[in-house]
């Protein structure tokens, strides 16, 4: 009989996005084969994450203890540009290009049947308040996935942004239909964002 603790850990891994039952078992057995030193380091990092996790009050990127992330607090960032992304991984992908020097806003997902719409709608309201109050923002970049599923979110955002006298662009050039920002190669993404 398989140990019930193993099954509970596998259930947790299985709840991760894009991880299925077989991969969950592989992760568990990979982890149990690691040295004790590695396991302790892994657990201590996760303990710190649990205890000190916070979210930037401006863009919603996860931070450790800070109220404002290092991007939003950087005085050298271009405060007139705001790039709206669906997920944190999209922000990381764009940031890794080292070409975009503006600010971000993380929606936390898309308006989809299987995602928590309340988080996204709440963040859209916060975005609206930010656009009302932050007069430095002059340009919006909608860097959402190029998928059919992203269209309702994109339409809602365009409707929201059109209330303000702001320039906005939707990156398109070179990005295939169905493309997710985090998986697009850097050169194509640079060209699409005109960086």
C-alpha atoms as a PDB file:
ATOM      1  CA  UNK A   1       0.000   0.000   0.000  1.00  0.00           C
ATOM      2  CA  UNK A   2       1.214   3.521  -0.881  1.00  0.00           C
ATOM      3  CA  UNK A   3       1.929   5.734   2.094  1.00  0.00           C
ATOM      4  CA  UNK A   4      -0.969   8.212   2.664  1.00  0.00           C
ATOM      5  CA  UNK A   5       1.514  11.080   3.199  1.00  0.00           C
ATOM      6  CA  UNK A   6       2.927  10.470  -0.306  1.00  0.00           C
ATOM      7  CA  UNK A   7      -0.594  10.629  -1.723  1.00  0.00           C
ATOM      8  CA  UNK A   8      -1.291  13.934   0.079  1.00  0.00           C
ATOM      9  CA  UNK A   9       1.914  15.484  -1.261  1.00  0.00           C
ATOM     10  CA  UNK A  10       1.127  14.241  -4.784  1.00  0.00           C
ATOM     11  CA  UNK A  11      -2.356  15.797  -4.525  1.00  0.00           C
ATOM     12  CA  UNK A  12      -0.706  19.154  -3.755  1.00  0.00           C
ATOM     13  CA  UNK A  13       1.678  18.853  -6.727  1.00  0.00           C
ATOM     14  CA  UNK A  14      -1.243  17.749  -8.904  1.00  0.00           C
ATOM     15  CA  UNK A  15      -3.091  20.985  -8.079  1.00  0.00           C
ATOM     16  CA  UNK A  16      -0.249  23.049  -9.635  1.00  0.00           C
ATOM     17  CA  UNK A  17      -0.966  24.433 -13.121  1.00  0.00           C
ATOM     18  CA  UNK A  18       0.175  22.175 -15.975  1.00  0.00           C
ATOM     19  CA  UNK A  19       1.278  19.378 -13.603  1.00  0.00           C
ATOM     20  CA  UNK A  20      -0.531  16.064 -13.933  1.00  0.00           C
ATOM     21  CA  UNK A  21      -0.592  13.000 -11.640  1.00  0.00           C
ATOM     22  CA  UNK A  22       2.383  11.262 -13.281  1.00  0.00           C
ATOM     23  CA  UNK A  23       4.551  14.405 -13.059  1.00  0.00           C
ATOM     24  CA  UNK A  24       3.436  14.842  -9.445  1.00  0.00           C
ATOM     25  CA  UNK A  25       4.738  11.388  -8.561  1.00  0.00           C
ATOM     26  CA  UNK A  26       8.000  12.109 -10.381  1.00  0.00           C
ATOM     27  CA  UNK A  27       8.442  15.350  -8.433  1.00  0.00           C
ATOM     28  CA  UNK A  28       7.830  13.561  -5.142  1.00  0.00           C
ATOM     29  CA  UNK A  29      10.304  10.764  -5.878  1.00  0.00           C
ATOM     30  CA  UNK A  30      12.880  13.228  -7.231  1.00  0.00           C
ATOM     31  CA  UNK A  31      12.576  15.265  -4.029  1.00  0.00           C
ATOM     32  CA  UNK A  32      12.921  12.263  -1.684  1.00  0.00           C
ATOM     33  CA  UNK A  33      16.180  11.272  -3.439  1.00  0.00           C
ATOM     34  CA  UNK A  34      17.818  14.659  -2.781  1.00  0.00           C
ATOM     35  CA  UNK A  35      20.336  15.238  -0.001  1.00  0.00           C
ATOM     36  CA  UNK A  36      19.029  16.370   3.382  1.00  0.00           C
ATOM     37  CA  UNK A  37      20.903  19.686   3.013  1.00  0.00           C
ATOM     38  CA  UNK A  38      19.009  20.456  -0.211  1.00  0.00           C
ATOM     39  CA  UNK A  39      15.656  19.450   1.312  1.00  0.00           C
ATOM     40  CA  UNK A  40      16.232  21.709   4.312  1.00  0.00           C
ATOM     41  CA  UNK A  41      17.211  24.641   2.093  1.00  0.00           C
ATOM     42  CA  UNK A  42      14.103  24.066  -0.051  1.00  0.00           C
ATOM     43  CA  UNK A  43      11.852  23.993   3.032  1.00  0.00           C
ATOM     44  CA  UNK A  44      13.488  27.069   4.589  1.00  0.00           C
ATOM     45  CA  UNK A  45      12.938  29.077   1.376  1.00  0.00           C
ATOM     46  CA  UNK A  46       9.294  28.052   1.248  1.00  0.00           C
ATOM     47  CA  UNK A  47       8.879  28.880   4.927  1.00  0.00           C
ATOM     48  CA  UNK A  48      10.279  32.373   4.259  1.00  0.00           C
ATOM     49  CA  UNK A  49       7.956  32.714   1.287  1.00  0.00           C
ATOM     50  CA  UNK A  50       4.934  31.826   3.426  1.00  0.00           C
ATOM     51  CA  UNK A  51       5.927  34.133   6.271  1.00  0.00           C
ATOM     52  CA  UNK A  52       7.111  37.164   4.304  1.00  0.00           C
ATOM     53  CA  UNK A  53       5.085  37.132   1.063  1.00  0.00           C
ATOM     54  CA  UNK A  54       3.485  40.410   0.120  1.00  0.00           C
ATOM     55  CA  UNK A  55       2.130  41.986  -3.080  1.00  0.00           C
ATOM     56  CA  UNK A  56       3.184  45.304  -4.573  1.00  0.00           C
ATOM     57  CA  UNK A  57       0.477  47.870  -3.877  1.00  0.00           C
ATOM     58  CA  UNK A  58       0.929  49.386  -7.342  1.00  0.00           C
ATOM     59  CA  UNK A  59       1.401  46.484  -9.775  1.00  0.00           C
ATOM     60  CA  UNK A  60       0.539  43.334  -7.712  1.00  0.00           C
ATOM     61  CA  UNK A  61       3.825  41.579  -8.391  1.00  0.00           C
ATOM     62  CA  UNK A  62       4.642  39.309  -5.431  1.00  0.00           C
ATOM     63  CA  UNK A  63       7.345  40.740  -3.169  1.00  0.00           C
ATOM     64  CA  UNK A  64       9.091  39.717   0.016  1.00  0.00           C
ATOM     65  CA  UNK A  65       8.118  42.103   2.832  1.00  0.00           C
ATOM     66  CA  UNK A  66       8.048  45.200   0.563  1.00  0.00           C
ATOM     67  CA  UNK A  67       4.831  47.151  -0.031  1.00  0.00           C
ATOM     68  CA  UNK A  68       6.181  48.493  -3.336  1.00  0.00           C
ATOM     69  CA  UNK A  69       8.256  46.243  -5.600  1.00  0.00           C
ATOM     70  CA  UNK A  70      11.716  47.145  -6.911  1.00  0.00           C
ATOM     71  CA  UNK A  71      10.327  47.973 -10.380  1.00  0.00           C
ATOM     72  CA  UNK A  72       7.642  50.382  -9.162  1.00  0.00           C
ATOM     73  CA  UNK A  73      10.032  52.041  -6.697  1.00  0.00           C
ATOM     74  CA  UNK A  74      12.857  52.448  -9.245  1.00  0.00           C
ATOM     75  CA  UNK A  75      13.252  56.213  -9.904  1.00  0.00           C
ATOM     76  CA  UNK A  76      14.782  55.487 -13.333  1.00  0.00           C
ATOM     77  CA  UNK A  77      11.685  53.738 -14.708  1.00  0.00           C
ATOM     78  CA  UNK A  78       9.560  55.576 -17.285  1.00  0.00           C
ATOM     79  CA  UNK A  79       6.463  56.424 -15.239  1.00  0.00           C
ATOM     80  CA  UNK A  80       4.514  57.522 -18.326  1.00  0.00           C
ATOM     81  CA  UNK A  81       4.241  53.937 -19.672  1.00  0.00           C
ATOM     82  CA  UNK A  82       2.140  51.173 -18.123  1.00  0.00           C
ATOM     83  CA  UNK A  83       2.244  47.621 -19.476  1.00  0.00           C
ATOM     84  CA  UNK A  84      -0.770  45.517 -18.484  1.00  0.00           C
ATOM     85  CA  UNK A  85      -0.086  41.775 -18.311  1.00  0.00           C
ATOM     86  CA  UNK A  86      -2.302  38.837 -17.413  1.00  0.00           C
ATOM     87  CA  UNK A  87       0.161  36.985 -15.204  1.00  0.00           C
ATOM     88  CA  UNK A  88       3.379  37.482 -13.279  1.00  0.00           C
ATOM     89  CA  UNK A  89       5.254  35.189 -15.683  1.00  0.00           C
ATOM     90  CA  UNK A  90       4.403  37.616 -18.527  1.00  0.00           C
ATOM     91  CA  UNK A  91       5.973  40.477 -16.562  1.00  0.00           C
ATOM     92  CA  UNK A  92       9.125  38.395 -15.995  1.00  0.00           C
ATOM     93  CA  UNK A  93       9.326  37.521 -19.709  1.00  0.00           C
ATOM     94  CA  UNK A  94       9.082  41.176 -20.774  1.00  0.00           C
ATOM     95  CA  UNK A  95      11.445  42.307 -18.016  1.00  0.00           C
ATOM     96  CA  UNK A  96      14.045  39.724 -19.103  1.00  0.00           C
ATOM     97  CA  UNK A  97      14.204  41.421 -22.523  1.00  0.00           C
ATOM     98  CA  UNK A  98      15.907  44.344 -20.717  1.00  0.00           C
ATOM     99  CA  UNK A  99      14.359  46.783 -23.213  1.00  0.00           C
ATOM    100  CA  UNK A 100      11.100  47.950 -21.634  1.00  0.00           C
ATOM    101  CA  UNK A 101      11.718  50.580 -18.951  1.00  0.00           C
ATOM    102  CA  UNK A 102       8.139  51.488 -18.004  1.00  0.00           C
ATOM    103  CA  UNK A 103       5.884  50.206 -15.224  1.00  0.00           C
ATOM    104  CA  UNK A 104       3.535  47.197 -15.070  1.00  0.00           C
ATOM    105  CA  UNK A 105       0.134  46.149 -13.821  1.00  0.00           C
ATOM    106  CA  UNK A 106      -0.598  42.434 -13.218  1.00  0.00           C
ATOM    107  CA  UNK A 107      -4.259  41.448 -13.706  1.00  0.00           C
ATOM    108  CA  UNK A 108      -3.798  38.067 -12.038  1.00  0.00           C
ATOM    109  CA  UNK A 109      -5.274  36.080 -14.930  1.00  0.00           C
ATOM    110  CA  UNK A 110      -7.971  36.366 -17.566  1.00  0.00           C
ATOM    111  CA  UNK A 111     -11.747  36.491 -17.348  1.00  0.00           C
ATOM    112  CA  UNK A 112     -12.241  32.750 -17.911  1.00  0.00           C
ATOM    113  CA  UNK A 113     -14.868  30.286 -16.642  1.00  0.00           C
ATOM    114  CA  UNK A 114     -12.265  28.302 -14.631  1.00  0.00           C
ATOM    115  CA  UNK A 115     -10.357  31.299 -13.161  1.00  0.00           C
ATOM    116  CA  UNK A 116     -11.357  33.461 -10.217  1.00  0.00           C
ATOM    117  CA  UNK A 117     -13.041  36.416 -11.941  1.00  0.00           C
ATOM    118  CA  UNK A 118     -13.335  38.357  -8.676  1.00  0.00           C
ATOM    119  CA  UNK A 119      -9.567  38.926  -8.455  1.00  0.00           C
ATOM    120  CA  UNK A 120      -9.434  40.248 -12.034  1.00  0.00           C
ATOM    121  CA  UNK A 121     -12.513  42.461 -11.671  1.00  0.00           C
ATOM    122  CA  UNK A 122     -11.170  43.841  -8.389  1.00  0.00           C
ATOM    123  CA  UNK A 123      -7.820  44.579 -10.011  1.00  0.00           C
ATOM    124  CA  UNK A 124      -9.519  46.245 -12.985  1.00  0.00           C
ATOM    125  CA  UNK A 125     -11.273  48.567 -10.540  1.00  0.00           C
ATOM    126  CA  UNK A 126      -7.907  49.318  -8.875  1.00  0.00           C
ATOM    127  CA  UNK A 127      -6.439  49.938 -12.353  1.00  0.00           C
ATOM    128  CA  UNK A 128      -9.245  52.392 -13.109  1.00  0.00           C
ATOM    129  CA  UNK A 129      -8.546  54.242  -9.837  1.00  0.00           C
ATOM    130  CA  UNK A 130      -4.865  54.335 -10.701  1.00  0.00           C
ATOM    131  CA  UNK A 131      -5.576  55.804 -14.148  1.00  0.00           C
ATOM    132  CA  UNK A 132      -7.801  58.440 -12.547  1.00  0.00           C
ATOM    133  CA  UNK A 133      -5.219  59.427  -9.924  1.00  0.00           C
ATOM    134  CA  UNK A 134      -1.849  58.906 -11.623  1.00  0.00           C
ATOM    135  CA  UNK A 135      -1.476  61.759 -14.101  1.00  0.00           C
ATOM    136  CA  UNK A 136       2.031  60.598 -15.084  1.00  0.00           C
ATOM    137  CA  UNK A 137       0.641  57.661 -17.114  1.00  0.00           C
ATOM    138  CA  UNK A 138       0.336  58.638 -20.792  1.00  0.00           C
ATOM    139  CA  UNK A 139       0.591  55.312 -22.620  1.00  0.00           C
ATOM    140  CA  UNK A 140      -0.815  51.829 -22.029  1.00  0.00           C
ATOM    141  CA  UNK A 141       0.540  48.628 -23.558  1.00  0.00           C
ATOM    142  CA  UNK A 142      -1.899  45.698 -23.458  1.00  0.00           C
ATOM    143  CA  UNK A 143       0.445  42.685 -23.405  1.00  0.00           C
ATOM    144  CA  UNK A 144      -2.190  39.977 -23.067  1.00  0.00           C
ATOM    145  CA  UNK A 145      -2.053  36.513 -24.666  1.00  0.00           C
ATOM    146  CA  UNK A 146      -3.018  36.332 -28.345  1.00  0.00           C
ATOM    147  CA  UNK A 147      -5.702  33.743 -27.693  1.00  0.00           C
ATOM    148  CA  UNK A 148      -9.455  33.573 -28.136  1.00  0.00           C
ATOM    149  CA  UNK A 149      -9.752  33.172 -24.346  1.00  0.00           C
ATOM    150  CA  UNK A 150      -8.068  36.548 -23.787  1.00  0.00           C
ATOM    151  CA  UNK A 151     -10.515  38.480 -25.994  1.00  0.00           C
ATOM    152  CA  UNK A 152     -13.187  39.214 -23.299  1.00  0.00           C
ATOM    153  CA  UNK A 153     -10.495  40.581 -20.955  1.00  0.00           C
ATOM    154  CA  UNK A 154      -8.942  42.613 -23.773  1.00  0.00           C
ATOM    155  CA  UNK A 155     -12.347  44.102 -24.704  1.00  0.00           C
ATOM    156  CA  UNK A 156     -13.058  45.063 -21.076  1.00  0.00           C
ATOM    157  CA  UNK A 157      -9.640  46.707 -20.783  1.00  0.00           C
ATOM    158  CA  UNK A 158     -10.034  48.639 -24.056  1.00  0.00           C
ATOM    159  CA  UNK A 159     -13.426  49.869 -22.841  1.00  0.00           C
ATOM    160  CA  UNK A 160     -11.871  50.958 -19.539  1.00  0.00           C
ATOM    161  CA  UNK A 161      -8.836  52.666 -21.120  1.00  0.00           C
ATOM    162  CA  UNK A 162     -10.983  54.497 -23.694  1.00  0.00           C
ATOM    163  CA  UNK A 163     -12.497  56.533 -20.814  1.00  0.00           C
ATOM    164  CA  UNK A 164      -9.120  58.256 -20.474  1.00  0.00           C
ATOM    165  CA  UNK A 165      -7.152  60.403 -22.862  1.00  0.00           C
ATOM    166  CA  UNK A 166      -4.336  57.871 -23.137  1.00  0.00           C
ATOM    167  CA  UNK A 167      -2.378  56.417 -26.013  1.00  0.00           C
ATOM    168  CA  UNK A 168      -2.532  52.641 -26.043  1.00  0.00           C
ATOM    169  CA  UNK A 169      -1.206  49.838 -28.160  1.00  0.00           C
ATOM    170  CA  UNK A 170      -1.747  46.121 -28.470  1.00  0.00           C
ATOM    171  CA  UNK A 171       1.424  44.303 -29.567  1.00  0.00           C
ATOM    172  CA  UNK A 172       0.693  42.199 -32.646  1.00  0.00           C
ATOM    173  CA  UNK A 173       3.545  42.077 -35.134  1.00  0.00           C
ATOM    174  CA  UNK A 174       5.052  38.600 -35.433  1.00  0.00           C
ATOM    175  CA  UNK A 175       3.090  37.032 -32.582  1.00  0.00           C
ATOM    176  CA  UNK A 176       1.069  33.987 -33.664  1.00  0.00           C
ATOM    177  CA  UNK A 177      -2.589  33.561 -32.829  1.00  0.00           C
ATOM    178  CA  UNK A 178      -2.779  31.449 -29.692  1.00  0.00           C
ATOM    179  CA  UNK A 179       0.581  32.783 -28.475  1.00  0.00           C
ATOM    180  CA  UNK A 180       1.208  33.229 -24.761  1.00  0.00           C
ATOM    181  CA  UNK A 181       3.527  36.110 -23.821  1.00  0.00           C
ATOM    182  CA  UNK A 182       5.706  33.953 -21.558  1.00  0.00           C
ATOM    183  CA  UNK A 183       6.463  31.465 -24.382  1.00  0.00           C
ATOM    184  CA  UNK A 184       7.226  33.900 -27.231  1.00  0.00           C
ATOM    185  CA  UNK A 185      10.858  34.106 -28.276  1.00  0.00           C
ATOM    186  CA  UNK A 186      12.649  37.314 -27.179  1.00  0.00           C
ATOM    187  CA  UNK A 187      13.276  38.742 -30.679  1.00  0.00           C
ATOM    188  CA  UNK A 188       9.633  38.369 -31.744  1.00  0.00           C
ATOM    189  CA  UNK A 189       8.458  39.891 -28.476  1.00  0.00           C
ATOM    190  CA  UNK A 190      10.855  42.854 -28.770  1.00  0.00           C
ATOM    191  CA  UNK A 191       9.550  43.559 -32.277  1.00  0.00           C
ATOM    192  CA  UNK A 192       5.909  43.182 -31.224  1.00  0.00           C
ATOM    193  CA  UNK A 193       6.391  45.562 -28.300  1.00  0.00           C
ATOM    194  CA  UNK A 194       8.493  47.874 -30.509  1.00  0.00           C
ATOM    195  CA  UNK A 195      11.268  47.934 -27.889  1.00  0.00           C
END
